Amino acid sequence: MATRVPLGSDANSNRIFIDLTDSDDKEIPVPIPFVTTLAHRSPAKVSKVVPSKRGLEPSDGLSDASSDEPVRAGHTRRPRFSHSQNVTPTPSLPTVSVVIPSPTTHQRRQIALASTVDSPYVNGMSKHYFPTNDEEMRVAKANYPFHRTREGRPIDRKNVSLHFRTGSASPLRLESTADDHHLAKLRHKLQEKLDGIEGPSILPVVSCPKLLAKLADNFVFINEYQYRPGVEPLSEDFICGCTCIGGCEPAQCDCIAQEEETEGLIVPYKRCDKNPRLYVITEEFLHRKSMIFECTPSCNCQGSRCWNHVVQRGRTVRLEIFDTGSRGFGLRSPDPIYAGQFIDHYLGEVITKADADAREALSEGNDGQSYLFDLDWWVGYEDVNEETMNVIDGRKFGSASRFMNHSCNPNCKIVAVSTKNHSDKRLYNLAFFAYRDIPPGTEFTFDYNAGTENTTPQRIDPDAVPCLCGESNCRGQLWPNKRKGRGV
């Protein structure tokens, strides 16, 4: 400062200045005496001489060496000071000066604000001027603010997901991990298999990699029966057809089954009331236990344009394979299904009864699932018996319908349909039809043992496969034996 006395001068020889001001402060420091005097005691006079080590005697503050200590030539003896002759000098006490700085702009504002307070009792405990929730208010300001939609509803921004976009307004694509790559590879492999199925698309709606691997690696989708050793269809020489010309007449076609007690014919199909382009099973036939005989390729009718060609035309609805949870895979459709509409075939390997028993014995105790269907419609007729009938195994080879689950209150029915050779009593088709209208996204179910009476809890076989349909009329078990479709 300009008014300060330079350090080192006589006026400041015994003073210490503590400067608390800024560099531009012009106030003159005020000396404040810090310590005036300090009492201290001079050492007492020595009443007797303290002997030095090895009998040295001091002389005028110096102690000579003993007589027996030799003195080298050219060297003088070094004098030693005695402890009794040391005197502590009296210190010169300084005066401390403190320079008080002027208040800053913020401090002046606070002083002015405090001077305008009406109440004289404002102190450090006042929450209005000294808030205790300052930290909570600061954290709240750092949170995502609440916004409102055009309708006035509040939006919590912290619960809204972030969408990263590049400059071209396309989603930001991050590098996929090894798991994502493996999952994409499984989906691609499975979709390639599903694309080989004839008809509308079939999509897998499964996200679990383990389930996708089970579908992609352990199953082959097929479009027709796979005949195994011991099973051979009849020769085409035995195929016969109707004599209808220009279109089959429901009252005259030779392919239509006849009533057992009357001479009337059982007409299975009709035009759909809600969609005239479709032919569906009649409501009366849905409650029958009868086989459908469609016109064969040897018929004289219009062939594929004949009204009696429904199952032969194939599937006309899209399907989705999805995960139901405790019941494994399930099947549904994104399209609306009408009552009596054909959904899909049940396909697989066609094997003999002996091979089916051997496969069933190997699969027991693994997962409790069975994909065996007995083609026992003609058992007891002519030379067809239980030992000579054929069995369909859909475990490794099949169609998407193998994923349809059981229900004691089903929305689908499985019907035996003969399409190629009415004379072959060991081979025919198993087709699924809708019992009623099924909304899009509803799971398809059918009764594994249609016609079985409800079972009370006391009569449930402890070794039977339990039923998980959850319907109010649930029988509690699927079937006492492991084979599906007994008595279809």
Protein backbone atom coordinates (compact mmCIF):
# COMPACT_ATOMS: atom_id res chain seq x y z
CA MET A 1 0.00 0.00 0.00
CA ALA A 2 1.14 3.58 -0.53
CA THR A 3 0.77 4.54 3.15
CA ARG A 4 2.64 1.58 4.55
CA VAL A 5 6.08 2.08 6.09
CA PRO A 6 8.71 0.00 4.32
CA LEU A 7 9.71 -3.09 6.17
CA GLY A 8 13.13 -3.00 7.74
CA SER A 9 12.91 0.63 8.89
CA ASP A 10 13.28 1.65 12.51
CA ALA A 11 9.52 2.19 12.92
CA ASN A 12 8.77 -1.40 11.99
CA SER A 13 11.73 -3.07 13.56
CA ASN A 14 9.65 -4.71 16.32
CA ARG A 15 6.22 -5.02 14.57
CA ILE A 16 4.42 -7.75 12.56
CA PHE A 17 1.70 -6.76 10.09
CA ILE A 18 -1.14 -9.23 9.11
CA ASP A 19 -2.72 -7.92 5.93
CA LEU A 20 -6.29 -9.19 5.37
CA THR A 21 -7.18 -6.69 2.66
CA ASP A 22 -7.13 -6.96 -1.09
CA SER A 23 -4.39 -5.40 -3.14
CA ASP A 24 -6.48 -2.30 -3.81
CA ASP A 25 -7.33 -1.57 -0.11
CA LYS A 26 -6.21 2.00 0.83
CA GLU A 27 -6.88 1.89 4.59
CA ILE A 28 -4.00 2.60 6.97
CA PRO A 29 -3.17 -0.35 9.22
CA VAL A 30 -3.92 0.22 12.88
CA PRO A 31 -1.28 -1.20 15.22
CA ILE A 32 -2.74 -3.45 17.85
CA PRO A 33 -0.43 -4.49 20.63
CA PHE A 34 -0.29 -8.23 20.65
CA VAL A 35 2.24 -8.96 23.40
CA THR A 36 3.64 -6.20 25.63
CA THR A 37 6.09 -8.13 27.67
CA LEU A 38 7.01 -11.67 28.45
CA ALA A 39 8.38 -12.57 31.85
CA HIS A 40 11.51 -14.61 31.69
CA ARG A 41 14.14 -15.51 34.18
CA SER A 42 17.89 -15.09 33.87
CA PRO A 43 19.95 -18.15 34.83
CA ALA A 44 21.04 -18.29 38.42
CA LYS A 45 24.62 -17.69 39.29
CA VAL A 46 26.66 -20.84 39.48
CA SER A 47 27.64 -21.42 43.10
CA LYS A 48 30.15 -23.99 42.24
CA VAL A 49 32.04 -25.07 39.22
CA VAL A 50 30.70 -28.18 37.49
CA PRO A 51 33.62 -30.49 36.74
CA SER A 52 34.24 -31.25 33.12
CA LYS A 53 34.66 -34.70 31.69
CA ARG A 54 37.93 -36.38 32.51
CA GLY A 55 38.83 -33.81 35.23
CA LEU A 56 38.93 -30.72 33.02
CA GLU A 57 38.80 -27.44 34.92
CA PRO A 58 37.35 -24.34 33.32
CA SER A 59 39.36 -21.15 33.17
CA ASP A 60 37.69 -17.88 32.03
CA GLY A 61 35.03 -19.75 30.19
CA LEU A 62 37.59 -22.09 28.62
CA SER A 63 38.62 -25.48 29.78
CA ASP A 64 42.13 -26.75 29.15
CA ALA A 65 42.95 -30.31 28.41
CA SER A 66 44.40 -32.54 31.11
CA SER A 67 48.13 -32.82 31.52
CA ASP A 68 48.24 -36.34 30.31
CA GLU A 69 46.73 -35.47 26.91
CA PRO A 70 49.52 -34.92 24.42
CA VAL A 71 49.62 -31.87 22.26
CA ARG A 72 50.64 -32.28 18.71
CA ALA A 73 53.26 -30.02 17.28
CA GLY A 74 51.89 -27.11 15.31
CA HIS A 75 48.39 -27.50 16.78
CA THR A 76 46.76 -25.35 19.43
CA ARG A 77 44.29 -26.76 21.87
CA ARG A 78 40.63 -26.13 20.88
CA PRO A 79 38.75 -24.29 23.59
CA ARG A 80 35.56 -25.87 24.94
CA PHE A 81 32.60 -24.03 26.37
CA SER A 82 31.22 -25.09 29.71
CA HIS A 83 27.46 -25.68 30.08
CA SER A 84 27.43 -23.59 33.22
CA GLN A 85 28.58 -20.50 31.36
CA ASN A 86 25.77 -20.40 28.69
CA VAL A 87 23.49 -17.35 29.00
CA THR A 88 20.13 -17.02 27.14
CA PRO A 89 19.81 -13.62 25.42
CA THR A 90 16.72 -11.47 26.14
CA PRO A 91 14.33 -11.50 23.11
CA SER A 92 13.01 -8.32 21.54
CA LEU A 93 9.16 -8.61 21.51
CA PRO A 94 7.36 -7.43 18.30
CA THR A 95 4.04 -5.60 18.05
CA VAL A 96 1.38 -7.28 15.78
CA SER A 97 -0.89 -5.11 13.60
CA VAL A 98 -4.09 -6.49 11.89
CA VAL A 99 -5.61 -4.80 8.83
CA ILE A 100 -9.41 -5.31 8.63
CA PRO A 101 -10.67 -5.53 4.99
CA SER A 102 -13.74 -3.74 3.71
CA PRO A 103 -16.86 -5.91 2.93
CA THR A 104 -17.36 -7.26 -0.57
CA THR A 105 -20.32 -6.48 -2.81
CA HIS A 106 -22.13 -9.69 -1.80
CA GLN A 107 -21.53 -8.96 1.87
CA ARG A 108 -22.84 -5.40 1.50
CA ARG A 109 -26.00 -6.80 -0.10
CA GLN A 110 -26.52 -9.21 2.78
CA ILE A 111 -25.93 -6.42 5.32
CA ALA A 112 -28.44 -4.19 3.55
CA LEU A 113 -30.97 -7.05 3.44
CA ALA A 114 -30.53 -7.74 7.14
CA SER A 115 -31.03 -4.07 7.99
CA THR A 116 -34.47 -4.04 6.32
CA VAL A 117 -35.85 -6.96 8.37
CA ASP A 118 -38.67 -5.76 10.63
CA SER A 119 -38.28 -8.43 13.26
CA PRO A 120 -35.35 -7.88 15.61
CA TYR A 121 -35.32 -11.58 16.46
CA VAL A 122 -33.90 -12.84 13.16
CA ASN A 123 -30.95 -15.09 13.87
CA GLY A 124 -29.14 -18.08 12.42
CA MET A 125 -32.07 -20.42 13.22
CA SER A 126 -34.50 -18.66 10.87
CA LYS A 127 -35.41 -21.17 8.08
CA HIS A 128 -36.65 -18.34 5.87
CA TYR A 129 -33.26 -16.69 5.63
CA PHE A 130 -31.19 -19.80 6.38
CA PRO A 131 -33.05 -22.77 4.73
CA THR A 132 -32.19 -26.26 5.97
CA ASN A 133 -33.43 -28.03 2.80
CA ASP A 134 -30.99 -26.33 0.48
CA GLU A 135 -29.40 -29.66 -0.51
CA GLU A 136 -32.77 -31.28 -1.35
CA MET A 137 -33.74 -28.27 -3.47
CA ARG A 138 -30.47 -28.45 -5.38
CA VAL A 139 -30.93 -32.20 -6.08
CA ALA A 140 -34.53 -31.63 -7.18
CA LYS A 141 -33.39 -29.06 -9.72
CA ALA A 142 -30.99 -31.63 -11.19
CA ASN A 143 -33.81 -34.17 -11.85
CA TYR A 144 -35.69 -34.43 -15.13
CA PRO A 145 -38.42 -31.77 -15.16
CA PHE A 146 -42.08 -32.67 -15.55
CA HIS A 147 -43.71 -31.71 -18.83
CA ARG A 148 -47.29 -31.87 -19.95
CA THR A 149 -48.84 -33.24 -23.10
CA ARG A 150 -51.25 -31.35 -25.29
CA GLU A 151 -54.09 -32.88 -23.30
CA GLY A 152 -52.60 -31.53 -20.06
CA ARG A 153 -51.39 -34.83 -18.63
CA PRO A 154 -48.02 -34.67 -16.84
CA ILE A 155 -45.06 -36.54 -18.33
CA ASP A 156 -42.28 -37.83 -16.13
CA ARG A 157 -39.20 -37.38 -18.29
CA LYS A 158 -37.08 -39.77 -16.26
CA ASN A 159 -39.35 -42.65 -17.27
CA VAL A 160 -39.15 -41.83 -20.99
CA SER A 161 -36.59 -43.90 -22.90
CA LEU A 162 -33.93 -42.13 -24.91
CA HIS A 163 -33.75 -42.56 -28.68
CA PHE A 164 -30.37 -41.98 -30.26
CA ARG A 165 -30.46 -40.87 -33.87
CA THR A 166 -27.75 -40.01 -36.31
CA GLY A 167 -27.67 -36.98 -38.58
CA SER A 168 -29.68 -38.85 -41.23
CA ALA A 169 -32.59 -39.32 -38.77
CA SER A 170 -32.03 -43.09 -38.70
CA PRO A 171 -31.70 -45.05 -35.44
CA LEU A 172 -28.18 -45.28 -34.08
CA ARG A 173 -26.93 -48.83 -34.57
CA LEU A 174 -24.50 -49.96 -31.93
CA GLU A 175 -22.23 -52.95 -32.42
CA SER A 176 -23.97 -56.16 -31.43
CA THR A 177 -22.49 -58.40 -28.78
CA ALA A 178 -21.65 -62.06 -29.23
CA ASP A 179 -24.99 -63.08 -27.68
CA ASP A 180 -26.95 -60.86 -30.06
CA HIS A 181 -25.04 -62.31 -33.00
CA HIS A 182 -25.77 -65.86 -31.85
CA LEU A 183 -29.45 -65.01 -31.36
CA ALA A 184 -29.69 -63.47 -34.83
CA LYS A 185 -28.04 -66.54 -36.31
CA LEU A 186 -30.56 -68.84 -34.64
CA ARG A 187 -33.47 -66.73 -35.89
CA HIS A 188 -32.10 -66.79 -39.42
CA LYS A 189 -31.64 -70.56 -39.33
CA LEU A 190 -35.14 -71.13 -37.98
CA GLN A 191 -36.71 -68.75 -40.48
CA GLU A 192 -35.02 -70.60 -43.34
CA LYS A 193 -36.72 -73.80 -42.17
CA LEU A 194 -40.09 -72.09 -41.79
CA ASP A 195 -39.83 -70.53 -45.25
CA GLY A 196 -39.75 -74.03 -46.72
CA ILE A 197 -43.32 -74.69 -45.55
CA GLU A 198 -45.97 -74.24 -48.20
CA GLY A 199 -48.70 -71.68 -47.66
CA PRO A 200 -48.80 -68.33 -45.80
CA SER A 201 -45.94 -67.31 -43.55
CA ILE A 202 -45.16 -68.89 -40.18
CA LEU A 203 -43.28 -66.64 -37.76
CA PRO A 204 -41.49 -67.60 -34.51
CA VAL A 205 -42.33 -65.12 -31.75
CA VAL A 206 -39.71 -66.40 -29.32
CA SER A 207 -36.93 -64.34 -27.70
CA CYS A 208 -35.25 -66.95 -25.46
CA PRO A 209 -32.03 -68.23 -27.12
CA LYS A 210 -32.46 -71.68 -25.54
CA LEU A 211 -35.95 -72.09 -26.99
CA LEU A 212 -34.86 -70.77 -30.36
CA ALA A 213 -32.02 -73.28 -30.42
CA LYS A 214 -34.50 -76.05 -29.63
CA LEU A 215 -36.64 -75.03 -32.60
CA ALA A 216 -33.78 -74.38 -35.01
CA ASP A 217 -31.55 -77.37 -34.28
CA ASN A 218 -33.82 -80.22 -33.21
CA PHE A 219 -36.78 -80.03 -35.55
CA VAL A 220 -37.44 -80.35 -39.29
CA PHE A 221 -40.56 -78.83 -40.87
CA ILE A 222 -42.16 -80.89 -43.62
CA ASN A 223 -45.06 -80.52 -46.07
CA GLU A 224 -46.16 -84.16 -46.27
CA TYR A 225 -45.86 -87.46 -44.45
CA GLN A 226 -42.42 -89.05 -44.09
CA TYR A 227 -42.89 -92.79 -44.55
CA ARG A 228 -40.53 -94.99 -42.55
CA PRO A 229 -39.68 -98.69 -43.03
CA GLY A 230 -42.72 -100.93 -42.71
CA VAL A 231 -45.18 -98.28 -43.98
CA GLU A 232 -46.16 -98.10 -47.65
CA PRO A 233 -49.22 -96.39 -49.14
CA LEU A 234 -51.43 -98.34 -51.52
CA SER A 235 -50.66 -98.22 -55.22
CA GLU A 236 -52.38 -95.64 -57.41
CA ASP A 237 -54.15 -98.51 -59.13
CA PHE A 238 -56.57 -98.59 -56.22
CA ILE A 239 -57.44 -94.88 -56.43
CA CYS A 240 -61.00 -94.24 -57.55
CA GLY A 241 -63.10 -91.08 -57.80
CA CYS A 242 -66.54 -89.72 -58.44
CA THR A 243 -68.20 -89.48 -61.84
CA CYS A 244 -69.45 -85.92 -61.40
CA ILE A 245 -69.07 -83.75 -64.51
CA GLY A 246 -68.81 -79.98 -64.33
CA GLY A 247 -68.86 -79.92 -60.54
CA CYS A 248 -69.90 -82.17 -57.69
CA GLU A 249 -73.48 -82.23 -56.57
CA PRO A 250 -73.73 -82.66 -52.78
CA ALA A 251 -76.67 -85.02 -53.18
CA GLN A 252 -75.03 -87.25 -55.84
CA CYS A 253 -71.22 -87.23 -55.38
CA ASP A 254 -69.84 -90.72 -54.80
CA CYS A 255 -67.06 -89.39 -52.56
CA ILE A 256 -69.39 -88.12 -49.85
CA ALA A 257 -69.95 -90.47 -46.93
CA GLN A 258 -73.39 -91.97 -46.45
CA GLU A 259 -75.44 -92.04 -43.30
CA GLU A 260 -75.40 -95.41 -41.55
CA GLU A 261 -79.13 -95.64 -40.91
CA THR A 262 -80.44 -93.68 -43.90
CA GLU A 263 -79.64 -93.30 -47.57
CA GLY A 264 -78.79 -89.62 -47.14
CA LEU A 265 -75.28 -88.25 -47.66
CA ILE A 266 -73.23 -86.42 -45.04
CA VAL A 267 -72.25 -83.10 -46.63
CA PRO A 268 -69.26 -81.83 -44.63
CA TYR A 269 -68.65 -78.38 -46.16
CA LYS A 270 -70.56 -75.19 -46.86
CA ARG A 271 -69.74 -71.62 -47.79
CA CYS A 272 -68.75 -69.42 -44.90
CA ASP A 273 -71.42 -66.88 -44.06
CA LYS A 274 -68.87 -64.23 -43.03
CA ASN A 275 -66.46 -64.89 -45.89
CA PRO A 276 -68.07 -66.40 -49.02
CA ARG A 277 -64.67 -67.22 -50.51
CA LEU A 278 -64.10 -69.88 -47.86
CA TYR A 279 -65.61 -73.33 -47.44
CA VAL A 280 -65.97 -74.41 -43.82
CA ILE A 281 -67.26 -77.47 -42.00
CA THR A 282 -70.93 -77.35 -41.23
CA GLU A 283 -71.95 -76.86 -37.63
CA GLU A 284 -73.71 -80.23 -37.69
CA PHE A 285 -70.57 -82.05 -38.82
CA LEU A 286 -68.46 -80.38 -36.09
CA HIS A 287 -70.47 -82.32 -33.52
CA ARG A 288 -70.22 -85.62 -35.40
CA LYS A 289 -67.68 -88.34 -35.07
CA SER A 290 -67.20 -89.08 -38.74
CA MET A 291 -64.50 -89.07 -41.41
CA ILE A 292 -64.49 -86.64 -44.35
CA PHE A 293 -63.95 -88.07 -47.85
CA GLU A 294 -62.78 -85.36 -50.23
CA CYS A 295 -62.65 -85.74 -53.96
CA THR A 296 -59.45 -87.42 -55.15
CA PRO A 297 -57.20 -86.56 -58.13
CA SER A 298 -59.01 -89.34 -60.07
CA CYS A 299 -62.41 -87.66 -59.81
CA ASN A 300 -64.10 -86.21 -62.91
CA CYS A 301 -65.05 -82.99 -61.10
CA GLN A 302 -63.34 -79.64 -61.35
CA GLY A 303 -60.41 -80.79 -59.23
CA SER A 304 -58.95 -78.06 -57.05
CA ARG A 305 -61.91 -75.78 -57.84
CA CYS A 306 -64.33 -78.32 -56.41
CA TRP A 307 -66.10 -77.37 -53.20
CA ASN A 308 -65.05 -80.76 -51.80
CA HIS A 309 -61.37 -79.75 -51.97
CA VAL A 310 -60.68 -77.96 -48.67
CA VAL A 311 -57.91 -79.81 -46.86
CA GLN A 312 -56.17 -80.56 -50.16
CA ARG A 313 -55.85 -76.84 -50.91
CA GLY A 314 -53.67 -76.52 -47.85
CA ARG A 315 -53.37 -73.93 -45.14
CA THR A 316 -54.75 -70.46 -45.87
CA VAL A 317 -53.99 -68.67 -42.55
CA ARG A 318 -50.79 -67.23 -41.14
CA LEU A 319 -49.41 -68.82 -38.00
CA GLU A 320 -47.17 -67.78 -35.11
CA ILE A 321 -45.14 -70.02 -32.80
CA PHE A 322 -44.81 -68.42 -29.37
CA ASP A 323 -43.75 -69.26 -25.82
CA THR A 324 -46.64 -69.91 -23.44
CA GLY A 325 -44.47 -70.31 -20.34
CA SER A 326 -45.29 -73.39 -18.27
CA ARG A 327 -46.94 -75.18 -21.24
CA GLY A 328 -44.00 -74.75 -23.63
CA PHE A 329 -44.57 -73.60 -27.19
CA GLY A 330 -47.99 -72.63 -28.46
CA LEU A 331 -49.64 -71.82 -31.80
CA ARG A 332 -51.80 -68.87 -32.76
CA SER A 333 -52.67 -66.74 -35.79
CA PRO A 334 -52.63 -62.97 -36.39
CA ASP A 335 -55.65 -63.48 -38.67
CA PRO A 336 -59.29 -63.91 -37.60
CA ILE A 337 -60.45 -67.53 -37.80
CA TYR A 338 -64.07 -68.41 -38.59
CA ALA A 339 -66.03 -71.28 -37.12
CA GLY A 340 -65.43 -74.47 -39.14
CA GLN A 341 -62.38 -73.06 -40.98
CA PHE A 342 -59.50 -75.40 -41.80
CA ILE A 343 -56.28 -74.43 -40.00
CA ASP A 344 -53.53 -76.98 -40.72
CA HIS A 345 -52.55 -80.65 -40.95
CA TYR A 346 -50.81 -82.74 -38.35
CA LEU A 347 -47.73 -84.19 -40.07
CA GLY A 348 -44.79 -86.31 -39.04
CA GLU A 349 -43.08 -89.63 -39.54
CA VAL A 350 -45.45 -92.48 -40.31
CA ILE A 351 -44.18 -95.55 -38.45
CA THR A 352 -45.50 -98.94 -37.40
CA LYS A 353 -47.08 -99.69 -34.05
CA ALA A 354 -44.01 -101.66 -32.93
CA ASP A 355 -41.67 -98.75 -33.71
CA ALA A 356 -44.01 -96.36 -31.93
CA ASP A 357 -43.96 -98.48 -28.77
CA ALA A 358 -40.15 -98.56 -28.84
CA ARG A 359 -39.89 -94.79 -29.26
CA GLU A 360 -42.42 -94.21 -26.54
CA ALA A 361 -40.45 -96.38 -24.11
CA LEU A 362 -37.29 -94.36 -24.81
CA SER A 363 -39.00 -91.00 -24.35
CA GLU A 364 -40.77 -91.85 -21.07
CA GLY A 365 -39.36 -90.01 -18.09
CA ASN A 366 -37.64 -87.29 -20.15
CA ASP A 367 -40.06 -84.40 -20.48
CA GLY A 368 -43.47 -86.11 -20.35
CA GLN A 369 -44.31 -84.92 -23.86
CA SER A 370 -45.67 -87.18 -26.57
CA TYR A 371 -46.20 -86.43 -30.24
CA LEU A 372 -47.58 -89.85 -31.25
CA PHE A 373 -50.98 -90.10 -32.93
CA ASP A 374 -52.60 -93.47 -33.62
CA LEU A 375 -54.29 -93.82 -37.00
CA ASP A 376 -56.86 -96.15 -35.47
CA TRP A 377 -60.01 -94.98 -37.21
CA TRP A 378 -60.46 -98.28 -39.08
CA VAL A 379 -59.24 -100.55 -36.29
CA GLY A 380 -61.60 -103.57 -36.22
CA TYR A 381 -62.58 -103.11 -39.87
CA GLU A 382 -61.46 -105.86 -42.25
CA ASP A 383 -57.77 -106.67 -41.63
CA VAL A 384 -56.90 -103.49 -39.63
CA ASN A 385 -56.19 -104.14 -35.97
CA GLU A 386 -54.25 -102.37 -33.26
CA GLU A 387 -51.00 -104.15 -34.10
CA THR A 388 -51.13 -103.42 -37.83
CA MET A 389 -52.24 -99.77 -37.64
CA ASN A 390 -49.85 -96.91 -38.39
CA VAL A 391 -48.75 -94.17 -36.00
CA ILE A 392 -47.68 -90.57 -36.71
CA ASP A 393 -44.68 -89.27 -34.74
CA GLY A 394 -44.30 -85.51 -34.88
CA ARG A 395 -41.39 -85.12 -32.43
CA LYS A 396 -38.55 -84.55 -34.94
CA PHE A 397 -40.46 -84.06 -38.21
CA GLY A 398 -43.77 -82.28 -38.56
CA SER A 399 -45.73 -79.12 -39.20
CA ALA A 400 -46.38 -76.10 -37.03
CA SER A 401 -49.55 -77.76 -35.71
CA ARG A 402 -47.42 -80.01 -33.49
CA PHE A 403 -47.16 -77.00 -31.13
CA MET A 404 -50.90 -76.89 -30.45
CA ASN A 405 -51.57 -77.48 -26.76
CA HIS A 406 -54.33 -79.38 -25.02
CA SER A 407 -57.39 -77.81 -23.42
CA CYS A 408 -60.41 -79.34 -21.76
CA ASN A 409 -62.41 -76.50 -23.35
CA PRO A 410 -60.76 -76.37 -26.81
CA ASN A 411 -61.42 -74.01 -29.69
CA CYS A 412 -60.29 -76.49 -32.37
CA LYS A 413 -61.20 -80.03 -33.37
CA ILE A 414 -59.08 -82.67 -35.08
CA VAL A 415 -60.89 -84.55 -37.88
CA ALA A 416 -59.87 -87.58 -39.94
CA VAL A 417 -59.86 -86.67 -43.66
CA SER A 418 -59.23 -88.98 -46.62
CA THR A 419 -57.94 -87.04 -49.61
CA LYS A 420 -56.00 -89.34 -52.01
CA ASN A 421 -57.11 -92.94 -51.70
CA HIS A 422 -60.38 -93.88 -50.08
CA SER A 423 -59.39 -97.54 -50.21
CA ASP A 424 -56.35 -97.13 -47.95
CA LYS A 425 -57.57 -97.83 -44.42
CA ARG A 426 -54.18 -97.29 -42.73
CA LEU A 427 -53.34 -93.85 -44.10
CA TYR A 428 -55.39 -90.66 -43.95
CA ASN A 429 -54.95 -87.05 -42.90
CA LEU A 430 -55.45 -85.43 -39.51
CA ALA A 431 -56.82 -81.90 -39.99
CA PHE A 432 -57.57 -79.16 -37.47
CA PHE A 433 -60.78 -77.13 -37.80
CA ALA A 434 -62.03 -74.24 -35.66
CA TYR A 435 -64.89 -75.05 -33.29
CA ARG A 436 -65.94 -71.39 -33.15
CA ASP A 437 -64.77 -67.95 -34.22
CA ILE A 438 -61.26 -67.34 -32.90
CA PRO A 439 -60.03 -63.72 -32.56
CA PRO A 440 -56.53 -62.84 -33.80
CA GLY A 441 -53.75 -63.66 -31.35
CA THR A 442 -55.74 -66.36 -29.51
CA GLU A 443 -53.95 -69.62 -28.84
CA PHE A 444 -55.18 -72.69 -30.72
CA THR A 445 -56.05 -75.65 -28.50
CA PHE A 446 -57.70 -79.04 -28.99
CA ASP A 447 -58.66 -81.98 -26.78
CA TYR A 448 -56.01 -84.71 -26.78
CA ASN A 449 -58.64 -87.24 -25.71
CA ALA A 450 -61.95 -86.01 -27.03
CA GLY A 451 -64.98 -87.63 -25.43
CA THR A 452 -63.21 -88.49 -22.17
CA GLU A 453 -65.34 -87.77 -19.13
CA ASN A 454 -64.22 -85.34 -16.47
CA THR A 455 -62.10 -86.94 -13.74
CA THR A 456 -62.49 -86.11 -10.09
CA PRO A 457 -59.33 -85.46 -8.07
CA GLN A 458 -59.77 -88.79 -6.32
CA ARG A 459 -59.74 -90.68 -9.64
CA ILE A 460 -56.69 -88.99 -11.19
CA ASP A 461 -53.97 -91.45 -12.01
CA PRO A 462 -50.82 -90.45 -10.06
CA ASP A 463 -48.66 -91.58 -13.00
CA ALA A 464 -50.67 -89.63 -15.59
CA VAL A 465 -49.43 -86.45 -17.27
CA PRO A 466 -51.10 -83.52 -15.45
CA CYS A 467 -53.28 -81.07 -17.36
CA LEU A 468 -52.28 -77.39 -17.25
CA CYS A 469 -55.11 -75.87 -19.31
CA GLY A 470 -56.61 -74.01 -16.33
CA GLU A 471 -60.20 -74.32 -17.58
CA SER A 472 -63.11 -74.59 -15.16
CA ASN A 473 -63.93 -78.08 -16.50
CA CYS A 474 -60.32 -79.30 -16.40
CA ARG A 475 -60.04 -83.10 -16.05
CA GLY A 476 -56.78 -82.84 -14.14
CA GLN A 477 -54.83 -85.17 -16.43
CA LEU A 478 -54.09 -85.46 -20.13
CA TRP A 479 -54.25 -89.22 -20.60
CA PRO A 480 -53.43 -92.26 -18.49
CA ASN A 481 -51.14 -93.64 -21.20
CA LYS A 482 -48.42 -91.55 -22.85
CA ARG A 483 -49.78 -91.68 -26.39
CA LYS A 484 -51.65 -88.66 -27.65
CA GLY A 485 -54.89 -88.97 -29.57
CA ARG A 486 -55.97 -92.41 -28.42
CA GLY A 487 -59.47 -92.98 -29.76
CA VAL A 488 -59.49 -90.06 -32.23
